[in-house]
Protein backbone atom coordinates (compact mmCIF):
# COMPACT_ATOMS: atom_id res chain seq x y z
CA MET A 1 -48.49 -8.92 -7.54
CA LYS A 2 -52.24 -9.54 -6.36
CA SER A 3 -52.92 -5.83 -6.29
CA LEU A 4 -51.35 -5.12 -9.60
CA LEU A 5 -53.82 -7.47 -11.43
CA ARG A 6 -56.62 -6.83 -9.32
CA ASN A 7 -56.25 -2.90 -9.88
CA ALA A 8 -55.79 -3.16 -13.52
CA ARG A 9 -58.93 -5.45 -13.83
CA ASP A 10 -60.65 -3.01 -11.97
CA GLN A 11 -59.81 0.04 -14.01
CA LYS A 12 -60.63 -1.98 -17.45
CA GLY A 13 -64.02 -2.89 -16.09
CA ILE A 14 -63.51 -6.50 -16.75
CA LYS A 15 -65.17 -9.29 -14.32
CA THR A 16 -63.09 -12.22 -13.32
CA ARG A 17 -65.42 -14.43 -15.44
CA GLU A 18 -64.82 -12.07 -18.48
CA LEU A 19 -60.74 -12.04 -17.96
CA ALA A 20 -60.89 -16.03 -17.22
CA GLN A 21 -62.59 -16.62 -20.52
CA LEU A 22 -60.09 -13.88 -22.59
CA ALA A 23 -57.24 -15.48 -20.98
CA GLY A 24 -58.07 -18.97 -21.05
CA ILE A 25 -57.62 -19.44 -17.42
CA ASP A 26 -60.32 -20.83 -14.85
CA GLN A 27 -62.28 -18.05 -13.09
CA ALA A 28 -61.42 -19.82 -9.75
CA LEU A 29 -57.86 -19.38 -10.49
CA ILE A 30 -58.08 -15.86 -11.43
CA SER A 31 -59.76 -15.07 -7.79
CA LYS A 32 -56.92 -16.87 -6.20
CA PHE A 33 -54.35 -15.17 -8.12
CA GLU A 34 -55.88 -11.62 -6.97
CA SER A 35 -56.09 -12.96 -3.50
CA GLY A 36 -52.54 -13.99 -3.33
CA ALA A 37 -53.86 -17.77 -2.57
CA ARG A 38 -52.08 -18.89 -5.78
CA LYS A 39 -49.45 -17.89 -8.08
CA PRO A 40 -49.61 -17.75 -11.83
CA THR A 41 -47.29 -19.56 -14.11
CA LYS A 42 -45.07 -17.55 -16.16
CA ASP A 43 -46.95 -18.08 -19.35
CA GLN A 44 -49.93 -16.91 -17.49
CA VAL A 45 -48.03 -13.66 -16.49
CA ILE A 46 -47.37 -13.01 -19.93
CA ARG A 47 -51.17 -13.46 -20.80
CA LEU A 48 -52.41 -11.21 -18.17
CA SER A 49 -49.85 -8.62 -18.73
CA GLN A 50 -51.30 -8.35 -22.45
CA LEU A 51 -54.86 -8.35 -21.38
CA LEU A 52 -54.43 -6.33 -18.51
CA GLU A 53 -52.06 -3.98 -20.34
CA ILE A 54 -49.54 -4.01 -17.24
CA ASP A 55 -46.12 -3.18 -17.82
CA TYR A 56 -44.55 -6.80 -18.57
CA GLU A 57 -41.42 -5.79 -16.71
CA THR A 58 -43.33 -4.32 -13.57
CA LEU A 59 -45.39 -7.60 -13.45
CA MET A 60 -42.53 -9.97 -14.00
CA VAL A 61 -40.56 -8.35 -11.08
CA ALA A 62 -43.37 -8.56 -8.75
CA TRP A 63 -43.76 -12.21 -9.87
CA LEU A 64 -40.20 -13.19 -9.54
CA LYS A 65 -39.96 -11.25 -6.13
CA GLU A 66 -43.01 -13.42 -4.69
CA LYS A 67 -41.45 -16.52 -6.01
CA ILE A 68 -37.96 -15.95 -4.47
CA LEU A 69 -40.06 -14.82 -1.00
CA HIS A 70 -41.81 -17.94 -1.12
CA GLU A 71 -38.85 -20.34 -1.44
CA ILE A 72 -36.40 -18.56 0.87
CA GLY A 73 -38.90 -16.91 3.37
CA ASP A 74 -36.91 -15.44 6.23
CA ASP A 75 -34.13 -17.94 6.47
CA GLU A 76 -31.14 -16.76 8.49
CA PHE A 77 -28.92 -17.24 5.33
CA ALA A 78 -31.45 -15.74 2.96
CA LEU A 79 -29.52 -12.44 2.32
CA LYS A 80 -26.27 -14.28 1.89
CA ALA A 81 -27.87 -16.63 -0.56
CA LEU A 82 -29.37 -13.63 -2.67
CA LYS A 83 -26.08 -12.08 -2.98
CA VAL A 84 -24.38 -15.10 -4.16
CA ALA A 85 -27.47 -15.61 -6.46
CA GLU A 86 -27.21 -12.21 -7.91
CA ASP A 87 -23.55 -12.59 -8.61
CA GLU A 88 -23.84 -15.82 -10.36
CA ILE A 89 -26.72 -13.98 -12.62
CA LYS A 90 -24.46 -11.34 -13.21
CA TYR A 91 -21.47 -13.77 -14.23
CA ASN A 92 -24.24 -15.98 -16.32
CA LYS A 93 -25.21 -12.94 -18.37
CA THR A 94 -21.69 -12.46 -19.60
CA VAL A 95 -21.40 -15.73 -21.13
CA SER A 96 -20.98 -15.46 -24.95
CA HIS A 97 -23.89 -16.58 -27.10
CA LEU A 98 -22.25 -15.88 -30.20
CA LYS A 99 -23.79 -17.01 -33.32
CA LEU A 100 -21.06 -17.16 -36.19
CA SER A 101 -21.92 -16.38 -39.71
CA THR A 102 -21.31 -18.60 -42.72
CA SER A 103 -18.16 -16.62 -43.32
CA LEU A 104 -16.56 -16.59 -40.04
CA GLU A 105 -17.35 -20.30 -39.69
CA LYS A 106 -15.41 -20.84 -43.08
CA ILE A 107 -12.58 -19.14 -42.11
CA LEU A 108 -12.13 -20.60 -38.84
CA LYS A 109 -12.33 -24.15 -40.34
CA GLU A 110 -9.43 -22.82 -42.81
CA ILE A 111 -7.47 -21.78 -39.69
CA ASP A 112 -7.88 -25.07 -37.95
CA SER A 113 -6.75 -26.82 -41.04
CA LEU A 114 -3.85 -24.77 -41.23
CA LYS A 115 -2.75 -24.93 -37.74
CA GLU A 116 -2.94 -28.80 -38.02
CA LYS A 117 -0.65 -28.63 -40.93
CA LEU A 118 1.73 -25.91 -38.81
CA ASP A 119 1.93 -28.56 -36.01
CA SER A 120 2.99 -31.07 -38.36
CA TYR A 121 6.21 -28.74 -39.07
CA ARG A 122 7.19 -27.85 -35.75
CA GLN A 123 10.03 -29.81 -35.94
CA PHE A 124 11.45 -27.32 -38.53
CA ASP A 125 10.83 -24.42 -36.24
CA SER A 126 13.79 -22.16 -34.89
CA PHE A 127 14.62 -19.47 -32.78
CA LYS A 128 15.76 -17.18 -35.62
CA ILE A 129 12.09 -17.80 -37.34
CA LYS A 130 10.55 -16.74 -34.24
CA GLN A 131 12.69 -13.75 -33.55
CA SER A 132 12.26 -12.46 -37.15
CA LEU A 133 8.34 -12.52 -36.90
CA GLU A 134 8.22 -10.99 -33.61
CA LEU A 135 10.60 -8.29 -34.82
CA GLU A 136 7.82 -7.56 -37.45
CA TYR A 137 5.02 -7.44 -35.08
CA THR A 138 6.78 -5.00 -32.84
CA PHE A 139 7.81 -2.88 -36.10
CA GLU A 140 3.84 -3.30 -37.30
CA SER A 141 2.14 -2.78 -34.07
CA ASN A 142 4.05 0.46 -33.53
CA ARG A 143 3.57 1.84 -36.81
CA ILE A 144 -0.23 1.44 -36.29
CA GLU A 145 0.20 3.94 -33.45
CA GLY A 146 2.30 6.24 -35.63
CA ASN A 147 6.12 5.15 -34.87
CA THR A 148 7.98 6.28 -37.91
CA MET A 149 10.88 3.52 -37.54
CA THR A 150 11.35 1.44 -40.59
CA LEU A 151 11.68 -2.48 -40.06
CA ARG A 152 15.26 -2.17 -40.45
CA GLU A 153 15.65 0.62 -37.90
CA THR A 154 13.63 -1.20 -35.50
CA ASP A 155 16.03 -4.26 -35.91
CA MET A 156 19.06 -1.93 -35.23
CA VAL A 157 17.42 -0.61 -32.28
CA ILE A 158 16.37 -3.71 -30.64
CA ASN A 159 19.12 -6.11 -31.80
CA GLU A 160 22.11 -4.00 -32.20
CA GLY A 161 21.49 -1.23 -29.47
CA LEU A 162 22.02 1.63 -31.97
CA THR A 163 20.51 5.21 -31.89
CA ILE A 164 18.60 6.16 -34.99
CA SER A 165 19.43 9.82 -36.18
CA GLY A 166 16.10 11.89 -36.35
CA LYS A 167 14.07 9.56 -34.57
CA SER A 168 12.59 10.53 -31.15
CA MET A 169 13.54 9.03 -27.69
CA ARG A 170 9.88 7.87 -27.70
CA GLU A 171 10.10 6.08 -30.81
CA HIS A 172 13.22 4.13 -29.68
CA LEU A 173 11.72 3.41 -26.29
CA GLU A 174 8.33 2.09 -28.13
CA ALA A 175 10.74 -0.32 -29.92
CA ILE A 176 12.49 -1.80 -27.04
CA ASN A 177 9.63 -1.83 -24.72
CA HIS A 178 7.22 -3.65 -27.14
CA GLN A 179 10.22 -6.39 -27.94
CA GLU A 180 10.39 -6.78 -24.25
CA ALA A 181 6.80 -7.07 -23.74
CA ILE A 182 6.84 -10.01 -26.35
CA GLY A 183 9.37 -11.57 -24.25
CA PHE A 184 7.11 -11.19 -21.37
CA ILE A 185 3.65 -12.77 -22.40
CA LYS A 186 6.15 -15.60 -23.99
CA GLU A 187 6.99 -16.46 -20.33
CA LEU A 188 3.30 -15.95 -19.23
CA MET A 189 2.28 -18.66 -21.88
CA SER A 190 4.89 -21.21 -21.05
CA LYS A 191 3.94 -20.96 -17.19
CA SER A 192 0.06 -21.09 -17.56
CA ASN A 193 -2.93 -21.13 -19.79
CA SER A 194 -4.84 -18.14 -17.98
CA LEU A 195 -4.74 -14.27 -17.82
CA ASN A 196 -5.44 -12.16 -14.79
CA GLU A 197 -5.38 -8.56 -13.89
CA ARG A 198 -1.62 -8.45 -12.67
CA ASP A 199 -0.56 -9.96 -16.17
CA LEU A 200 -2.51 -7.09 -17.90
CA LEU A 201 -0.94 -4.38 -15.83
CA SER A 202 2.34 -5.81 -16.11
CA ILE A 203 2.26 -5.92 -19.95
CA HIS A 204 0.96 -2.01 -19.96
CA ASN A 205 3.82 -1.11 -17.50
CA LEU A 206 6.44 -2.49 -20.04
CA ILE A 207 4.70 -0.84 -22.79
CA LEU A 208 5.00 2.76 -21.04
CA ARG A 209 8.02 2.13 -19.24
CA GLY A 210 10.33 5.51 -19.67
CA ILE A 211 7.64 7.06 -21.78
CA ILE A 212 4.86 7.95 -19.18
CA PRO A 213 6.36 6.35 -16.23
CA GLU A 214 3.81 7.61 -13.79
CA ASP A 215 0.71 6.05 -15.68
CA ALA A 216 2.67 2.76 -16.80
CA GLY A 217 0.76 -0.26 -15.21
CA ARG A 218 -2.13 2.14 -13.80
CA TYR A 219 -5.58 2.64 -15.04
CA ARG A 220 -6.42 6.16 -16.26
CA LYS A 221 -7.74 8.84 -13.73
CA VAL A 222 -9.35 11.10 -16.44
CA GLN A 223 -11.81 11.03 -19.16
CA VAL A 224 -10.57 10.65 -22.31
CA MET A 225 -11.40 11.24 -26.16
CA ILE A 226 -10.60 8.32 -28.64
CA GLN A 227 -9.18 10.37 -31.77
CA GLY A 228 -10.89 9.57 -34.93
CA SER A 229 -13.67 7.53 -33.13
CA SER A 230 -17.08 8.27 -32.16
CA HIS A 231 -17.01 5.73 -29.19
CA MET A 232 -16.93 7.27 -25.82
CA PRO A 233 -15.10 5.01 -23.26
CA PRO A 234 -16.42 4.72 -19.47
CA GLN A 235 -15.79 7.42 -16.92
CA PRO A 236 -12.47 6.86 -14.89
CA LEU A 237 -14.74 5.92 -11.82
CA LEU A 238 -16.18 3.01 -14.03
CA ILE A 239 -13.01 1.58 -15.13
CA GLN A 240 -12.15 -0.89 -12.31
CA GLN A 241 -15.78 -2.29 -12.26
CA GLU A 242 -15.58 -2.75 -16.08
CA MET A 243 -12.29 -4.44 -15.84
CA GLU A 244 -13.51 -6.89 -13.16
CA GLU A 245 -16.26 -7.92 -15.60
CA TYR A 246 -13.84 -7.98 -18.41
CA PHE A 247 -11.76 -10.64 -16.48
CA ILE A 248 -15.12 -12.37 -15.28
CA TRP A 249 -15.99 -12.70 -19.20
CA TYR A 250 -12.89 -14.31 -19.80
CA GLU A 251 -12.83 -17.09 -17.28
CA ILE A 252 -16.48 -17.90 -18.05
CA ASN A 253 -15.76 -18.17 -21.89
CA LYS A 254 -12.01 -19.25 -22.28
CA SER A 255 -13.02 -22.76 -22.89
CA LYS A 256 -16.19 -21.99 -24.79
CA LEU A 257 -15.00 -19.91 -27.73
CA HIS A 258 -12.71 -20.67 -30.85
CA PRO A 259 -9.42 -19.20 -29.66
CA VAL A 260 -9.48 -16.87 -32.60
CA ILE A 261 -12.75 -15.56 -31.41
CA LEU A 262 -11.92 -15.22 -27.83
CA ALA A 263 -8.72 -13.40 -28.60
CA ALA A 264 -10.52 -11.05 -30.78
CA GLU A 265 -13.09 -10.42 -28.07
CA MET A 266 -10.74 -9.74 -25.66
CA HIS A 267 -8.97 -7.45 -28.01
CA GLU A 268 -12.16 -5.38 -28.73
CA ARG A 269 -13.59 -5.47 -25.17
CA LEU A 270 -10.01 -3.97 -23.53
CA ILE A 271 -10.10 -1.21 -26.55
CA THR A 272 -13.77 -0.28 -25.75
CA ILE A 273 -13.19 0.16 -22.07
CA HIS A 274 -9.69 2.01 -22.95
CA PRO A 275 -8.47 1.68 -19.37
CA PHE A 276 -5.19 3.33 -19.83
CA ILE A 277 -4.07 7.00 -20.64
CA ASP A 278 -1.98 5.53 -23.49
CA GLY A 279 -0.83 2.25 -24.90
CA ASN A 280 -4.37 0.79 -25.16
CA GLY A 281 -3.83 -0.30 -28.67
CA ARG A 282 -0.45 -2.14 -28.02
CA THR A 283 -1.64 -3.68 -24.96
CA SER A 284 -4.86 -5.09 -26.50
CA ARG A 285 -2.95 -6.72 -29.19
CA LEU A 286 -0.50 -8.13 -27.07
CA ILE A 287 -3.51 -9.56 -24.90
CA MET A 288 -5.00 -10.93 -28.14
CA ASN A 289 -1.76 -12.66 -29.11
CA LEU A 290 -0.85 -14.05 -25.72
CA ILE A 291 -4.50 -15.90 -26.05
CA LEU A 292 -3.51 -16.91 -29.45
CA MET A 293 -0.01 -18.20 -28.43
CA GLN A 294 -1.48 -20.01 -25.41
CA LYS A 295 -3.53 -22.17 -27.69
CA GLY A 296 -0.66 -23.00 -30.07
CA TYR A 297 -1.60 -20.35 -32.61
CA PRO A 298 1.24 -17.87 -34.23
CA ILE A 299 1.09 -14.16 -33.58
CA ALA A 300 -1.56 -12.34 -35.68
CA ASN A 301 0.14 -9.42 -37.00
CA ILE A 302 -2.09 -6.62 -38.13
CA LYS A 303 0.13 -4.30 -40.39
CA GLY A 304 0.46 -0.65 -39.87
CA ASP A 305 0.09 0.26 -43.82
CA TYR A 306 -2.84 2.99 -44.46
CA GLU A 307 -5.03 0.61 -45.74
CA ASN A 308 -4.76 -2.12 -43.18
CA ARG A 309 -4.67 0.33 -40.57
CA MET A 310 -7.99 2.05 -41.72
CA GLN A 311 -9.55 -1.34 -42.22
CA TYR A 312 -8.66 -2.37 -38.66
CA TYR A 313 -9.99 0.84 -37.24
CA GLN A 314 -13.10 0.80 -39.18
CA SER A 315 -14.26 -2.64 -37.98
CA LEU A 316 -13.40 -1.70 -34.14
CA GLU A 317 -15.46 1.42 -34.83
CA ILE A 318 -18.49 -0.85 -35.97
CA ALA A 319 -18.15 -3.12 -32.98
CA GLN A 320 -18.29 -0.10 -30.46
CA THR A 321 -20.93 1.91 -31.76
CA LYS A 322 -23.20 -0.58 -33.63
CA LYS A 323 -22.55 -3.54 -31.34
CA ASP A 324 -21.82 -5.63 -34.43
CA LYS A 325 -18.38 -7.43 -34.23
CA GLU A 326 -18.60 -9.50 -37.22
CA ASP A 327 -16.43 -7.55 -39.41
CA PHE A 328 -13.71 -7.12 -36.50
CA PHE A 329 -13.84 -10.84 -36.24
CA LEU A 330 -13.38 -11.38 -39.80
CA TYR A 331 -10.54 -9.02 -39.90
CA ILE A 332 -8.80 -10.74 -37.05
CA ALA A 333 -9.25 -14.26 -38.45
CA GLN A 334 -8.31 -12.98 -41.71
CA ARG A 335 -4.70 -11.78 -40.26
CA GLU A 336 -4.25 -15.05 -38.25
CA LYS A 337 -4.87 -17.14 -41.40
CA GLU A 338 -2.20 -14.95 -43.32
CA SER A 339 0.17 -15.62 -40.33
CA LEU A 340 -0.24 -19.00 -40.47
CA GLU A 341 0.25 -19.31 -44.24
CA ARG A 342 3.10 -17.36 -43.98
CA TYR A 343 4.58 -19.47 -41.09
CA ILE A 344 4.26 -22.67 -42.91
CA THR A 345 5.48 -21.35 -46.07
CA ILE A 346 8.71 -20.13 -44.23
CA LEU A 347 8.94 -23.46 -42.65
CA THR A 348 8.69 -25.57 -45.81
CA GLN A 349 10.99 -23.65 -48.08
């Protein structure tokens, strides 16, 4: 760093006395900075960077490097300590510093109030109510992805074991698999309040079981384009790294965010990574609802009609391409609010 400062001052033809006056730093200190006898403070680095027109990042990296070397020197554990510090810095960078808008804060307060009300009616809950709502969720989630079965046909396939004339084998399997995946996330919910890679791959395995068995529960090995979206997901070689960061982000933020925001974030992040060759949408929505259910919230059911589907896709597209998740968070929060209101209405009829 001393060379950067001295060379920059010489190139500008400024004497140490003149630089000291411009920077408001004692001339003797300037000389010591350039000889390496003293280290400037961070504020002084910023001022010197501006006055000498040195690239701020270049000067800060040099300053931090010397600060680190001064502290740890050639200690036998220095390299190990640096590696641990590097990992911790990476983890801390993933911590969410989300600032909620007034609209989002308002709807989250409404959701919290509705959840308190729902909790007071839990004694009226029943298996049949849950079964009916879970069936609707399977129907709507599959409809988003293009499944043409009606709600009644979905019920007949799942609960009566019937085959629907004119519907493909894939559509039948999508209904059966999704319902089994709901059962699986309910088991996860009762066992723990966490989420890991094994759980995620197991959910995806259920979604694609019998449909694309060679890719069920496995990350994709080819590059894909997302139809109707300008977002380009990461290359296959980066997926494992992206997924590691995905679970790190979850562990760091799972107790810091409102459950609805945490669930929406995990949904959007997984869709953006697009780790699977198929089944990303269904899996992402199941992960979202696993997190909500773990926190005592009902399933947020995104409807598959044209209007809702387009609003859902558009809010996702904005989140992915403009790095603005506000619309998506609001959309998911609205769906959760509707689910709470409906659940309360059913229990109090």
